[in-house]
PDB file of N, CA and C in Angstrom:
ATOM      1  N   MET A   1      15.987 -33.331 -26.577  1.00  0.00           N
ATOM      2  CA  MET A   1      15.134 -32.816 -25.572  1.00  0.00           C
ATOM      3  C   MET A   1      15.555 -32.182 -24.023  1.00  0.00           C
ATOM      4  N   HIS A   2      16.749 -32.391 -23.882  1.00  0.00           N
ATOM      5  CA  HIS A   2      17.502 -32.205 -22.431  1.00  0.00           C
ATOM      6  C   HIS A   2      17.679 -31.034 -22.926  1.00  0.00           C
ATOM      7  N   GLY A   3      17.452 -30.555 -23.940  1.00  0.00           N
ATOM      8  CA  GLY A   3      18.678 -29.316 -24.649  1.00  0.00           C
ATOM      9  C   GLY A   3      17.342 -28.461 -24.677  1.00  0.00           C
ATOM     10  N   SER A   4      16.289 -28.526 -25.027  1.00  0.00           N
ATOM     11  CA  SER A   4      14.825 -27.819 -24.374  1.00  0.00           C
ATOM     12  C   SER A   4      14.637 -27.480 -23.354  1.00  0.00           C
ATOM     13  N   ILE A   5      14.501 -28.569 -22.364  1.00  0.00           N
ATOM     14  CA  ILE A   5      14.474 -28.436 -21.295  1.00  0.00           C
ATOM     15  C   ILE A   5      15.400 -27.033 -20.319  1.00  0.00           C
ATOM     16  N   GLN A   6      15.721 -27.432 -20.824  1.00  0.00           N
ATOM     17  CA  GLN A   6      17.183 -26.395 -20.242  1.00  0.00           C
ATOM     18  C   GLN A   6      16.844 -24.802 -20.934  1.00  0.00           C
ATOM     19  N   SER A   7      16.325 -25.089 -21.842  1.00  0.00           N
ATOM     20  CA  SER A   7      16.031 -23.338 -22.681  1.00  0.00           C
ATOM     21  C   SER A   7      15.038 -22.934 -22.053  1.00  0.00           C
ATOM     22  N   ASN A   8      14.358 -24.010 -21.853  1.00  0.00           N
ATOM     23  CA  ASN A   8      12.839 -23.332 -21.280  1.00  0.00           C
ATOM     24  C   ASN A   8      12.938 -22.809 -19.826  1.00  0.00           C
ATOM     25  N   THR A   9      13.718 -23.722 -19.340  1.00  0.00           N
ATOM     26  CA  THR A   9      14.393 -23.385 -17.678  1.00  0.00           C
ATOM     27  C   THR A   9      14.838 -21.982 -17.532  1.00  0.00           C
ATOM     28  N   ALA A  10      16.114 -21.580 -18.541  1.00  0.00           N
ATOM     29  CA  ALA A  10      16.501 -20.486 -18.656  1.00  0.00           C
ATOM     30  C   ALA A  10      15.881 -19.091 -18.867  1.00  0.00           C
ATOM     31  N   SER A  11      14.521 -19.905 -20.342  1.00  0.00           N
ATOM     32  CA  SER A  11      13.692 -18.424 -20.729  1.00  0.00           C
ATOM     33  C   SER A  11      12.730 -18.203 -19.220  1.00  0.00           C
ATOM     34  N   LEU A  12      12.620 -19.505 -18.491  1.00  0.00           N
ATOM     35  CA  LEU A  12      11.919 -18.957 -17.402  1.00  0.00           C
ATOM     36  C   LEU A  12      12.374 -17.754 -16.418  1.00  0.00           C
ATOM     37  N   LYS A  13      13.693 -18.506 -15.987  1.00  0.00           N
ATOM     38  CA  LYS A  13      14.134 -17.672 -14.570  1.00  0.00           C
ATOM     39  C   LYS A  13      14.654 -16.210 -15.500  1.00  0.00           C
ATOM     40  N   LEU A  14      14.977 -16.087 -16.710  1.00  0.00           N
ATOM     41  CA  LEU A  14      15.015 -14.985 -17.316  1.00  0.00           C
ATOM     42  C   LEU A  14      13.892 -13.845 -17.030  1.00  0.00           C
ATOM     43  N   GLU A  15      12.630 -15.015 -17.471  1.00  0.00           N
ATOM     44  CA  GLU A  15      11.702 -14.021 -17.781  1.00  0.00           C
ATOM     45  C   GLU A  15      10.938 -13.182 -16.139  1.00  0.00           C
ATOM     46  N   ALA A  16      11.706 -14.577 -15.197  1.00  0.00           N
ATOM     47  CA  ALA A  16      11.246 -14.067 -13.563  1.00  0.00           C
ATOM     48  C   ALA A  16      12.066 -12.996 -13.456  1.00  0.00           C
ATOM     49  N   ARG A  17      13.149 -12.902 -13.547  1.00  0.00           N
ATOM     50  CA  ARG A  17      13.882 -11.779 -13.420  1.00  0.00           C
ATOM     51  C   ARG A  17      13.342 -10.316 -14.068  1.00  0.00           C
ATOM     52  N   ARG A  18      13.463 -10.391 -14.958  1.00  0.00           N
ATOM     53  CA  ARG A  18      12.105  -9.401 -15.959  1.00  0.00           C
ATOM     54  C   ARG A  18      11.690  -8.751 -14.924  1.00  0.00           C
ATOM     55  N   GLN A  19      10.326  -9.772 -14.770  1.00  0.00           N
ATOM     56  CA  GLN A  19       9.387  -9.323 -14.103  1.00  0.00           C
ATOM     57  C   GLN A  19       9.680  -8.319 -12.629  1.00  0.00           C
ATOM     58  N   ILE A  20      10.551  -9.142 -11.881  1.00  0.00           N
ATOM     59  CA  ILE A  20      11.383  -8.351 -10.514  1.00  0.00           C
ATOM     60  C   ILE A  20      11.629  -7.123 -10.851  1.00  0.00           C
ATOM     61  N   ALA A  21      12.393  -6.882 -11.907  1.00  0.00           N
ATOM     62  CA  ALA A  21      12.947  -5.688 -12.520  1.00  0.00           C
ATOM     63  C   ALA A  21      11.657  -4.861 -13.106  1.00  0.00           C
ATOM     64  N   MET A  22      10.948  -4.983 -13.443  1.00  0.00           N
ATOM     65  CA  MET A  22       9.860  -4.273 -13.777  1.00  0.00           C
ATOM     66  C   MET A  22       8.725  -3.547 -12.399  1.00  0.00           C
ATOM     67  N   LYS A  23       8.591  -4.948 -11.739  1.00  0.00           N
ATOM     68  CA  LYS A  23       7.744  -4.284 -10.442  1.00  0.00           C
ATOM     69  C   LYS A  23       8.454  -3.564  -9.855  1.00  0.00           C
ATOM     70  N   GLY A  24       9.646  -3.828  -9.528  1.00  0.00           N
ATOM     71  CA  GLY A  24      10.268  -3.745  -7.943  1.00  0.00           C
ATOM     72  C   GLY A  24      10.312  -4.627  -7.146  1.00  0.00           C
ATOM     73  N   SER A  25      11.257  -4.971  -6.421  1.00  0.00           N
ATOM     74  CA  SER A  25      11.385  -6.004  -5.505  1.00  0.00           C
ATOM     75  C   SER A  25      11.281  -5.135  -4.049  1.00  0.00           C
ATOM     76  N   ALA A  26      10.827  -5.698  -2.812  1.00  0.00           N
ATOM     77  CA  ALA A  26      11.321  -5.514  -1.402  1.00  0.00           C
ATOM     78  C   ALA A  26      12.676  -5.507  -0.900  1.00  0.00           C
ATOM     79  N   THR A  27      13.534  -6.200  -1.775  1.00  0.00           N
ATOM     80  CA  THR A  27      14.979  -5.654  -1.359  1.00  0.00           C
ATOM     81  C   THR A  27      15.729  -4.234  -1.970  1.00  0.00           C
ATOM     82  N   GLU A  28      14.860  -3.698  -2.926  1.00  0.00           N
ATOM     83  CA  GLU A  28      15.374  -2.280  -2.849  1.00  0.00           C
ATOM     84  C   GLU A  28      14.927  -1.239  -1.922  1.00  0.00           C
ATOM     85  N   TRP A  29      14.053  -1.867  -1.007  1.00  0.00           N
ATOM     86  CA  TRP A  29      13.774  -0.870   0.005  1.00  0.00           C
ATOM     87  C   TRP A  29      14.960  -0.642   1.163  1.00  0.00           C
ATOM     88  N   PRO A  30      15.834   0.295   2.216  1.00  0.00           N
ATOM     89  CA  PRO A  30      16.293  -0.299   3.201  1.00  0.00           C
ATOM     90  C   PRO A  30      15.706  -1.177   4.040  1.00  0.00           C
ATOM     91  N   GLU A  31      16.350  -2.010   4.785  1.00  0.00           N
ATOM     92  CA  GLU A  31      16.357  -3.322   5.745  1.00  0.00           C
ATOM     93  C   GLU A  31      15.085  -2.883   6.098  1.00  0.00           C
ATOM     94  N   GLU A  32      14.696  -2.342   7.647  1.00  0.00           N
ATOM     95  CA  GLU A  32      13.729  -2.357   8.295  1.00  0.00           C
ATOM     96  C   GLU A  32      12.213  -1.346   7.262  1.00  0.00           C
ATOM     97  N   SER A  33      12.308  -0.894   6.268  1.00  0.00           N
ATOM     98  CA  SER A  33      11.222  -0.348   5.784  1.00  0.00           C
ATOM     99  C   SER A  33      10.421  -0.912   5.942  1.00  0.00           C
ATOM    100  N   GLN A  34       9.614  -2.367   5.627  1.00  0.00           N
ATOM    101  CA  GLN A  34       8.270  -2.818   5.517  1.00  0.00           C
ATOM    102  C   GLN A  34       7.735  -3.123   6.960  1.00  0.00           C
ATOM    103  N   ALA A  35       8.554  -2.999   8.119  1.00  0.00           N
ATOM    104  CA  ALA A  35       7.999  -2.875   9.407  1.00  0.00           C
ATOM    105  C   ALA A  35       7.997  -1.432  10.031  1.00  0.00           C
ATOM    106  N   LEU A  36       8.714  -0.666   9.464  1.00  0.00           N
ATOM    107  CA  LEU A  36       8.556   0.987   9.526  1.00  0.00           C
ATOM    108  C   LEU A  36       6.994   1.155   9.167  1.00  0.00           C
ATOM    109  N   ALA A  37       7.250   0.755   8.080  1.00  0.00           N
ATOM    110  CA  ALA A  37       5.889   1.170   7.302  1.00  0.00           C
ATOM    111  C   ALA A  37       4.380   0.498   7.925  1.00  0.00           C
ATOM    112  N   ARG A  38       4.303  -0.991   8.308  1.00  0.00           N
ATOM    113  CA  ARG A  38       3.591  -1.526   8.750  1.00  0.00           C
ATOM    114  C   ARG A  38       3.197  -0.529  10.010  1.00  0.00           C
ATOM    115  N   THR A  39       4.167  -0.479  10.691  1.00  0.00           N
ATOM    116  CA  THR A  39       4.171   0.206  12.143  1.00  0.00           C
ATOM    117  C   THR A  39       3.782   1.396  12.096  1.00  0.00           C
ATOM    118  N   LEU A  40       3.981   2.585  11.590  1.00  0.00           N
ATOM    119  CA  LEU A  40       3.346   3.999  10.944  1.00  0.00           C
ATOM    120  C   LEU A  40       1.770   3.536  11.037  1.00  0.00           C
ATOM    121  N   HIS A  41       1.437   2.705  10.197  1.00  0.00           N
ATOM    122  CA  HIS A  41       0.233   2.302   9.990  1.00  0.00           C
ATOM    123  C   HIS A  41      -0.597   1.961  10.767  1.00  0.00           C
ATOM    124  N   THR A  42      -0.669   1.193  11.745  1.00  0.00           N
ATOM    125  CA  THR A  42      -0.988   0.863  12.757  1.00  0.00           C
ATOM    126  C   THR A  42      -1.187   1.415  13.764  1.00  0.00           C
ATOM    127  N   LYS A  43      -0.121   2.776  13.847  1.00  0.00           N
ATOM    128  CA  LYS A  43       0.018   3.781  14.806  1.00  0.00           C
ATOM    129  C   LYS A  43      -0.866   4.722  14.135  1.00  0.00           C
ATOM    130  N   LEU A  44      -1.187   4.817  12.973  1.00  0.00           N
ATOM    131  CA  LEU A  44      -2.104   6.132  12.138  1.00  0.00           C
ATOM    132  C   LEU A  44      -3.459   5.429  11.784  1.00  0.00           C
ATOM    133  N   THR A  45      -4.025   4.484  12.680  1.00  0.00           N
ATOM    134  CA  THR A  45      -4.700   3.603  11.833  1.00  0.00           C
ATOM    135  C   THR A  45      -6.296   3.695  13.151  1.00  0.00           C
ATOM    136  N   ILE A  46      -7.166   4.266  12.957  1.00  0.00           N
ATOM    137  CA  ILE A  46      -8.469   4.965  13.352  1.00  0.00           C
ATOM    138  C   ILE A  46      -9.103   3.801  13.983  1.00  0.00           C
ATOM    139  N   ASP A  47      -8.703   3.282  15.774  1.00  0.00           N
ATOM    140  CA  ASP A  47      -9.480   2.469  15.860  1.00  0.00           C
ATOM    141  C   ASP A  47     -10.702   2.170  16.658  1.00  0.00           C
ATOM    142  N   ASP A  48     -11.577   1.732  16.724  1.00  0.00           N
ATOM    143  CA  ASP A  48     -13.280   1.599  16.931  1.00  0.00           C
ATOM    144  C   ASP A  48     -13.448   2.494  18.347  1.00  0.00           C
ATOM    145  N   ARG A  49     -12.156   3.114  18.905  1.00  0.00           N
ATOM    146  CA  ARG A  49     -12.640   4.063  20.544  1.00  0.00           C
ATOM    147  C   ARG A  49     -12.126   5.301  19.801  1.00  0.00           C
ATOM    148  N   GLN A  50     -11.552   5.384  19.111  1.00  0.00           N
ATOM    149  CA  GLN A  50     -10.873   6.771  18.343  1.00  0.00           C
ATOM    150  C   GLN A  50     -12.126   6.825  17.499  1.00  0.00           C
ATOM    151  N   TRP A  51     -12.550   6.300  17.098  1.00  0.00           N
ATOM    152  CA  TRP A  51     -13.461   6.044  15.596  1.00  0.00           C
ATOM    153  C   TRP A  51     -15.065   7.831  15.789  1.00  0.00           C
ATOM    154  N   HIS A  52     -15.204   7.601  17.108  1.00  0.00           N
ATOM    155  CA  HIS A  52     -16.282   8.998  17.357  1.00  0.00           C
ATOM    156  C   HIS A  52     -15.517  10.881  17.290  1.00  0.00           C
ATOM    157  N   ARG A  53     -14.674  10.275  17.457  1.00  0.00           N
ATOM    158  CA  ARG A  53     -13.228  11.501  17.799  1.00  0.00           C
ATOM    159  C   ARG A  53     -13.062  11.973  16.744  1.00  0.00           C
ATOM    160  N   LEU A  54     -12.568  11.347  15.545  1.00  0.00           N
ATOM    161  CA  LEU A  54     -11.352  11.658  14.768  1.00  0.00           C
ATOM    162  C   LEU A  54     -11.921  11.187  13.494  1.00  0.00           C
ATOM    163  N   LYS A  55     -13.098  10.238  13.114  1.00  0.00           N
ATOM    164  CA  LYS A  55     -13.673  10.373  12.051  1.00  0.00           C
ATOM    165  C   LYS A  55     -13.977  11.271  11.208  1.00  0.00           C
ATOM    166  N   THR A  56     -14.289  12.705  11.421  1.00  0.00           N
ATOM    167  CA  THR A  56     -14.220  13.753  10.457  1.00  0.00           C
ATOM    168  C   THR A  56     -13.159  14.766  10.425  1.00  0.00           C
ATOM    169  N   ASN A  57     -11.930  14.467  11.211  1.00  0.00           N
ATOM    170  CA  ASN A  57     -10.670  15.025  11.266  1.00  0.00           C
ATOM    171  C   ASN A  57     -10.000  14.285   9.542  1.00  0.00           C
ATOM    172  N   ARG A  58      -9.956  15.829   9.154  1.00  0.00           N
ATOM    173  CA  ARG A  58      -9.631  15.275   7.312  1.00  0.00           C
ATOM    174  C   ARG A  58      -8.086  15.340   7.787  1.00  0.00           C
ATOM    175  N   GLU A  59      -6.804  15.697   8.041  1.00  0.00           N
ATOM    176  CA  GLU A  59      -5.529  15.431   8.477  1.00  0.00           C
ATOM    177  C   GLU A  59      -5.403  13.707   8.611  1.00  0.00           C
ATOM    178  N   ARG A  60      -6.063  13.235   9.643  1.00  0.00           N
ATOM    179  CA  ARG A  60      -5.611  12.294  10.515  1.00  0.00           C
ATOM    180  C   ARG A  60      -6.918  11.129   9.225  1.00  0.00           C
ATOM    181  N   ARG A  61      -7.368  11.182   8.990  1.00  0.00           N
ATOM    182  CA  ARG A  61      -8.354  10.071   7.873  1.00  0.00           C
ATOM    183  C   ARG A  61      -6.937  10.312   6.486  1.00  0.00           C
ATOM    184  N   ALA A  62      -6.845  11.459   6.244  1.00  0.00           N
ATOM    185  CA  ALA A  62      -5.373  10.999   5.136  1.00  0.00           C
ATOM    186  C   ALA A  62      -4.205  10.432   5.346  1.00  0.00           C
ATOM    187  N   ALA A  63      -3.684  11.043   6.509  1.00  0.00           N
ATOM    188  CA  ALA A  63      -2.755  10.471   7.069  1.00  0.00           C
ATOM    189  C   ALA A  63      -2.767   8.736   7.252  1.00  0.00           C
ATOM    190  N   GLU A  64      -3.925   8.417   7.694  1.00  0.00           N
ATOM    191  CA  GLU A  64      -3.875   6.824   7.506  1.00  0.00           C
ATOM    192  C   GLU A  64      -4.109   6.595   6.245  1.00  0.00           C
ATOM    193  N   LEU A  65      -4.719   6.781   5.391  1.00  0.00           N
ATOM    194  CA  LEU A  65      -4.631   6.019   3.957  1.00  0.00           C
ATOM    195  C   LEU A  65      -3.477   6.584   3.602  1.00  0.00           C
ATOM    196  N   MET A  66      -2.521   7.244   3.571  1.00  0.00           N
ATOM    197  CA  MET A  66      -1.385   7.494   2.831  1.00  0.00           C
ATOM    198  C   MET A  66      -0.576   6.525   3.733  1.00  0.00           C
ATOM    199  N   ALA A  67      -0.337   6.537   5.068  1.00  0.00           N
ATOM    200  CA  ALA A  67       0.365   5.612   5.800  1.00  0.00           C
ATOM    201  C   ALA A  67      -0.283   3.703   5.129  1.00  0.00           C
ATOM    202  N   ALA A  68      -1.443   3.897   4.316  1.00  0.00           N
ATOM    203  CA  ALA A  68      -1.905   2.631   3.778  1.00  0.00           C
ATOM    204  C   ALA A  68      -1.170   2.548   2.858  1.00  0.00           C
ATOM    205  N   ALA A  69      -1.313   3.460   2.013  1.00  0.00           N
ATOM    206  CA  ALA A  69      -0.359   3.140   0.385  1.00  0.00           C
ATOM    207  C   ALA A  69       1.029   3.268   0.136  1.00  0.00           C
ATOM    208  N   LEU A  70       1.917   4.079   1.663  1.00  0.00           N
ATOM    209  CA  LEU A  70       2.961   3.727   1.478  1.00  0.00           C
ATOM    210  C   LEU A  70       2.982   1.929   1.859  1.00  0.00           C
ATOM    211  N   THR A  71       2.706   1.761   3.042  1.00  0.00           N
ATOM    212  CA  THR A  71       2.821   0.756   3.291  1.00  0.00           C
ATOM    213  C   THR A  71       2.298  -0.995   2.173  1.00  0.00           C
ATOM    214  N   GLN A  72       1.318  -0.376   1.071  1.00  0.00           N
ATOM    215  CA  GLN A  72       1.500  -1.084  -0.100  1.00  0.00           C
ATOM    216  C   GLN A  72       2.411  -1.339  -0.955  1.00  0.00           C
ATOM    217  N   LEU A  73       2.818   0.304  -1.261  1.00  0.00           N
ATOM    218  CA  LEU A  73       3.974   0.379  -2.072  1.00  0.00           C
ATOM    219  C   LEU A  73       5.037  -0.082  -1.073  1.00  0.00           C
ATOM    220  N   ILE A  74       5.622  -0.753  -0.497  1.00  0.00           N
ATOM    221  CA  ILE A  74       7.145  -0.874  -0.053  1.00  0.00           C
ATOM    222  C   ILE A  74       6.653  -2.404   0.256  1.00  0.00           C
ATOM    223  N   CYS A  75       5.662  -3.098   0.099  1.00  0.00           N
ATOM    224  CA  CYS A  75       5.500  -4.582   0.761  1.00  0.00           C
ATOM    225  C   CYS A  75       4.930  -4.837  -1.002  1.00  0.00           C
ATOM    226  N   ASP A  76       5.130  -4.291  -2.008  1.00  0.00           N
ATOM    227  CA  ASP A  76       4.560  -5.113  -3.217  1.00  0.00           C
ATOM    228  C   ASP A  76       3.591  -4.948  -3.767  1.00  0.00           C
ATOM    229  N   GLY A  77       2.613  -4.416  -3.048  1.00  0.00           N
ATOM    230  CA  GLY A  77       1.741  -4.365  -3.468  1.00  0.00           C
ATOM    231  C   GLY A  77       1.090  -4.040  -4.759  1.00  0.00           C
ATOM    232  N   ALA A  78      -0.510  -4.209  -4.991  1.00  0.00           N
ATOM    233  CA  ALA A  78      -0.693  -3.367  -6.136  1.00  0.00           C
ATOM    234  C   ALA A  78      -0.473  -1.876  -6.823  1.00  0.00           C
ATOM    235  N   HIS A  79      -0.327  -1.829  -7.710  1.00  0.00           N
ATOM    236  CA  HIS A  79      -0.073  -0.285  -8.048  1.00  0.00           C
ATOM    237  C   HIS A  79      -1.233   0.279  -7.819  1.00  0.00           C
ATOM    238  N   SER A  80      -2.553  -0.317  -8.726  1.00  0.00           N
ATOM    239  CA  SER A  80      -3.299   0.022  -8.543  1.00  0.00           C
ATOM    240  C   SER A  80      -4.273   0.411  -7.280  1.00  0.00           C
ATOM    241  N   GLU A  81      -4.325  -0.235  -6.036  1.00  0.00           N
ATOM    242  CA  GLU A  81      -4.483   0.011  -4.820  1.00  0.00           C
ATOM    243  C   GLU A  81      -3.912   1.006  -4.115  1.00  0.00           C
ATOM    244  N   VAL A  82      -2.048   1.416  -4.496  1.00  0.00           N
ATOM    245  CA  VAL A  82      -1.435   2.511  -3.621  1.00  0.00           C
ATOM    246  C   VAL A  82      -2.241   3.401  -4.607  1.00  0.00           C
ATOM    247  N   GLU A  83      -2.061   3.638  -5.822  1.00  0.00           N
ATOM    248  CA  GLU A  83      -3.215   4.633  -6.412  1.00  0.00           C
ATOM    249  C   GLU A  83      -4.775   4.871  -6.112  1.00  0.00           C
ATOM    250  N   GLU A  84      -5.351   4.124  -5.270  1.00  0.00           N
ATOM    251  CA  GLU A  84      -7.088   3.844  -4.829  1.00  0.00           C
ATOM    252  C   GLU A  84      -6.268   4.686  -3.724  1.00  0.00           C
ATOM    253  N   LEU A  85      -6.186   4.127  -2.700  1.00  0.00           N
ATOM    254  CA  LEU A  85      -5.808   5.147  -1.959  1.00  0.00           C
ATOM    255  C   LEU A  85      -5.209   6.229  -1.453  1.00  0.00           C
ATOM    256  N   THR A  86      -4.204   6.438  -2.624  1.00  0.00           N
ATOM    257  CA  THR A  86      -3.352   7.568  -2.468  1.00  0.00           C
ATOM    258  C   THR A  86      -4.653   8.865  -2.948  1.00  0.00           C
ATOM    259  N   THR A  87      -5.299   8.184  -3.898  1.00  0.00           N
ATOM    260  CA  THR A  87      -6.644   9.634  -4.419  1.00  0.00           C
ATOM    261  C   THR A  87      -7.370   9.593  -3.365  1.00  0.00           C
ATOM    262  N   GLN A  88      -7.753   8.556  -1.976  1.00  0.00           N
ATOM    263  CA  GLN A  88      -8.747   8.732  -1.115  1.00  0.00           C
ATOM    264  C   GLN A  88      -7.561   9.986  -0.149  1.00  0.00           C
ATOM    265  N   ALA A  89      -7.235   9.701   0.309  1.00  0.00           N
ATOM    266  CA  ALA A  89      -6.241  10.572   1.174  1.00  0.00           C
ATOM    267  C   ALA A  89      -6.416  12.262   0.497  1.00  0.00           C
ATOM    268  N   LEU A  90      -6.043  12.213  -1.021  1.00  0.00           N
ATOM    269  CA  LEU A  90      -5.877  13.469  -1.375  1.00  0.00           C
ATOM    270  C   LEU A  90      -7.677  14.180  -1.207  1.00  0.00           C
ATOM    271  N   LYS A  91      -8.770  13.258  -1.328  1.00  0.00           N
ATOM    272  CA  LYS A  91      -9.344  13.542  -1.749  1.00  0.00           C
ATOM    273  C   LYS A  91     -10.028  14.153  -0.169  1.00  0.00           C
ATOM    274  N   TRP A  92      -9.455  13.692   0.738  1.00  0.00           N
ATOM    275  CA  TRP A  92      -9.755  13.937   2.423  1.00  0.00           C
ATOM    276  C   TRP A  92      -9.037  15.714   2.611  1.00  0.00           C
ATOM    277  N   ILE A  93      -7.699  15.561   2.214  1.00  0.00           N
ATOM    278  CA  ILE A  93      -6.821  16.688   2.727  1.00  0.00           C
ATOM    279  C   ILE A  93      -7.436  17.850   1.871  1.00  0.00           C
ATOM    280  N   ARG A  94      -8.212  17.821   0.211  1.00  0.00           N
ATOM    281  CA  ARG A  94      -9.026  18.649  -0.409  1.00  0.00           C
ATOM    282  C   ARG A  94     -10.805  19.227   0.090  1.00  0.00           C
ATOM    283  N   GLY A  95     -10.831  18.139   0.916  1.00  0.00           N
ATOM    284  CA  GLY A  95     -12.540  18.501   2.068  1.00  0.00           C
ATOM    285  C   GLY A  95     -13.098  17.949   0.693  1.00  0.00           C
ATOM    286  N   GLU A  96     -12.868  17.226  -0.213  1.00  0.00           N
ATOM    287  CA  GLU A  96     -13.854  16.383  -0.831  1.00  0.00           C
ATOM    288  C   GLU A  96     -14.465  15.161  -0.766  1.00  0.00           C
ATOM    289  N   LEU A  97     -14.069  14.446   0.380  1.00  0.00           N
ATOM    290  CA  LEU A  97     -14.873  13.431   0.978  1.00  0.00           C
ATOM    291  C   LEU A  97     -14.904  13.991   2.764  1.00  0.00           C
ATOM    292  N   LYS A  98     -16.283  13.487   2.906  1.00  0.00           N
ATOM    293  CA  LYS A  98     -16.968  14.004   4.220  1.00  0.00           C
ATOM    294  C   LYS A  98     -17.144  12.465   4.912  1.00  0.00           C
ATOM    295  N   ASP A  99     -17.179  12.046   6.217  1.00  0.00           N
ATOM    296  CA  ASP A  99     -17.755  10.909   6.638  1.00  0.00           C
ATOM    297  C   ASP A  99     -19.417  11.428   6.349  1.00  0.00           C
ATOM    298  N   PRO A 100     -20.226   9.978   5.995  1.00  0.00           N
ATOM    299  CA  PRO A 100     -21.409  10.190   6.100  1.00  0.00           C
ATOM    300  C   PRO A 100     -22.234  10.369   7.804  1.00  0.00           C
ATOM    301  N   GLY A 101     -21.156   9.515   8.520  1.00  0.00           N
ATOM    302  CA  GLY A 101     -22.040   9.622   9.676  1.00  0.00           C
ATOM    303  C   GLY A 101     -22.368   8.019  10.084  1.00  0.00           C
ATOM    304  N   CYS A 102     -22.865   7.736  11.139  1.00  0.00           N
ATOM    305  CA  CYS A 102     -23.147   6.413  11.157  1.00  0.00           C
ATOM    306  C   CYS A 102     -24.412   6.063  11.068  1.00  0.00           C
ATOM    307  N   PRO A 103     -24.635   4.800  10.541  1.00  0.00           N
ATOM    308  CA  PRO A 103     -26.018   4.708  10.407  1.00  0.00           C
ATOM    309  C   PRO A 103     -26.846   4.325  11.444  1.00  0.00           C
ATOM    310  N   ARG A 104     -26.067   3.734  12.724  1.00  0.00           N
ATOM    311  CA  ARG A 104     -27.078   3.933  14.088  1.00  0.00           C
ATOM    312  C   ARG A 104     -27.333   5.077  14.474  1.00  0.00           C
ATOM    313  N   HIS A 105     -26.887   6.381  14.520  1.00  0.00           N
ATOM    314  CA  HIS A 105     -27.507   7.596  15.363  1.00  0.00           C
ATOM    315  C   HIS A 105     -28.574   8.326  14.472  1.00  0.00           C
TER     316      HIS A 105
END
């Protein structure tokens, strides 16, 4: 029985290492990458005060989304979310997306 527990523990550790290797790990990025990505995203996020001035700026909207995608990628976010954010950014760049405007106006 004891050998079975050791074998299961070893198998679980091996599987955990395999999962990390497949997914990637934050330790693969340079030390300050996560903090820098979050800072960039914070700087590029359009806040309430800037919204009306920048909501139709395609480059700014795309940059905000690309920074979000980069942050998700570096911080081990879901690949599907990284892809979705990148796709949205490309649509802004291509002019395929436009701001629908505020429903209040």
